[in-house]
Amino acid sequence: MKNSRPSWWQVIQSVLASAFGVQSKQKHSADFSANHSFIPYLITGVIFVALFVLSLLLFVRWIVG
């Protein structure tokens, strides 16, 4: 990744990869060693977790249902 700001697609890819534990150490260090903010990663991570929890709740309601 370049030293410029990452695109939203790159941020989403990084968050998903790290959430599932498949992000390489090289990619992780590149994400956080550049001179850009962690805010896009934080926002994307919070949205991902909220959607994941919501989908689990809906799935359980559907199964129990």
Protein backbone atom coordinates (compact mmCIF):
# COMPACT_ATOMS: atom_id res chain seq x y z
CA MET A 1 0.00 0.00 0.00
CA LYS A 2 1.15 3.50 -0.74
CA ASN A 3 1.78 6.22 1.83
CA SER A 4 -1.35 8.02 0.60
CA ARG A 5 -4.70 7.53 2.25
CA PRO A 6 -6.13 4.04 1.71
CA SER A 7 -9.34 3.69 -0.26
CA TRP A 8 -12.47 2.55 1.56
CA TRP A 9 -12.20 -0.77 -0.28
CA GLN A 10 -8.68 -1.29 1.11
CA VAL A 11 -9.91 -0.43 4.60
CA ILE A 12 -12.80 -2.89 4.30
CA GLN A 13 -10.44 -5.61 3.07
CA SER A 14 -8.09 -4.99 5.99
CA VAL A 15 -10.88 -5.02 8.57
CA LEU A 16 -12.42 -8.22 7.20
CA ALA A 17 -9.08 -9.97 6.95
CA SER A 18 -8.09 -9.04 10.48
CA ALA A 19 -11.55 -9.93 11.84
CA PHE A 20 -11.18 -13.46 10.51
CA GLY A 21 -7.51 -13.69 11.47
CA VAL A 22 -6.10 -14.07 7.98
CA GLN A 23 -4.34 -10.73 7.53
CA SER A 24 -0.63 -10.99 6.93
CA LYS A 25 1.78 -9.30 9.30
CA GLN A 26 3.16 -7.30 6.39
CA LYS A 27 -0.30 -5.93 5.49
CA HIS A 28 -1.07 -5.16 9.14
CA SER A 29 2.14 -3.22 9.61
CA ALA A 30 1.60 -1.38 6.30
CA ASP A 31 -1.91 -0.35 7.42
CA PHE A 32 -0.72 1.24 10.63
CA SER A 33 2.78 2.45 9.78
CA ALA A 34 1.71 4.95 7.15
CA ASN A 35 0.96 8.56 7.98
CA HIS A 36 -2.79 8.21 7.83
CA SER A 37 -5.43 8.09 10.50
CA PHE A 38 -6.84 4.99 12.18
CA ILE A 39 -10.35 6.52 12.10
CA PRO A 40 -11.46 4.79 8.85
CA TYR A 41 -10.40 1.44 10.34
CA LEU A 42 -12.24 2.19 13.57
CA ILE A 43 -15.45 3.23 11.80
CA THR A 44 -15.36 0.23 9.47
CA GLY A 45 -14.62 -2.14 12.35
CA VAL A 46 -17.51 -0.83 14.46
CA ILE A 47 -19.90 -1.13 11.50
CA PHE A 48 -18.68 -4.66 10.78
CA VAL A 49 -19.10 -5.79 14.39
CA ALA A 50 -22.59 -4.25 14.59
CA LEU A 51 -23.68 -5.96 11.38
CA PHE A 52 -22.14 -9.25 12.48
CA VAL A 53 -23.93 -9.20 15.84
CA LEU A 54 -27.20 -8.17 14.20
CA SER A 55 -26.93 -11.00 11.67
CA LEU A 56 -26.24 -13.50 14.46
CA LEU A 57 -29.28 -12.28 16.41
CA LEU A 58 -31.50 -12.54 13.35
CA PHE A 59 -30.17 -16.00 12.55
CA VAL A 60 -30.85 -17.24 16.10
CA ARG A 61 -34.36 -15.76 16.04
CA TRP A 62 -34.99 -17.49 12.72
CA ILE A 63 -33.74 -20.86 14.01
CA VAL A 64 -35.59 -20.65 17.34
CA GLY A 65 -38.51 -19.11 15.73
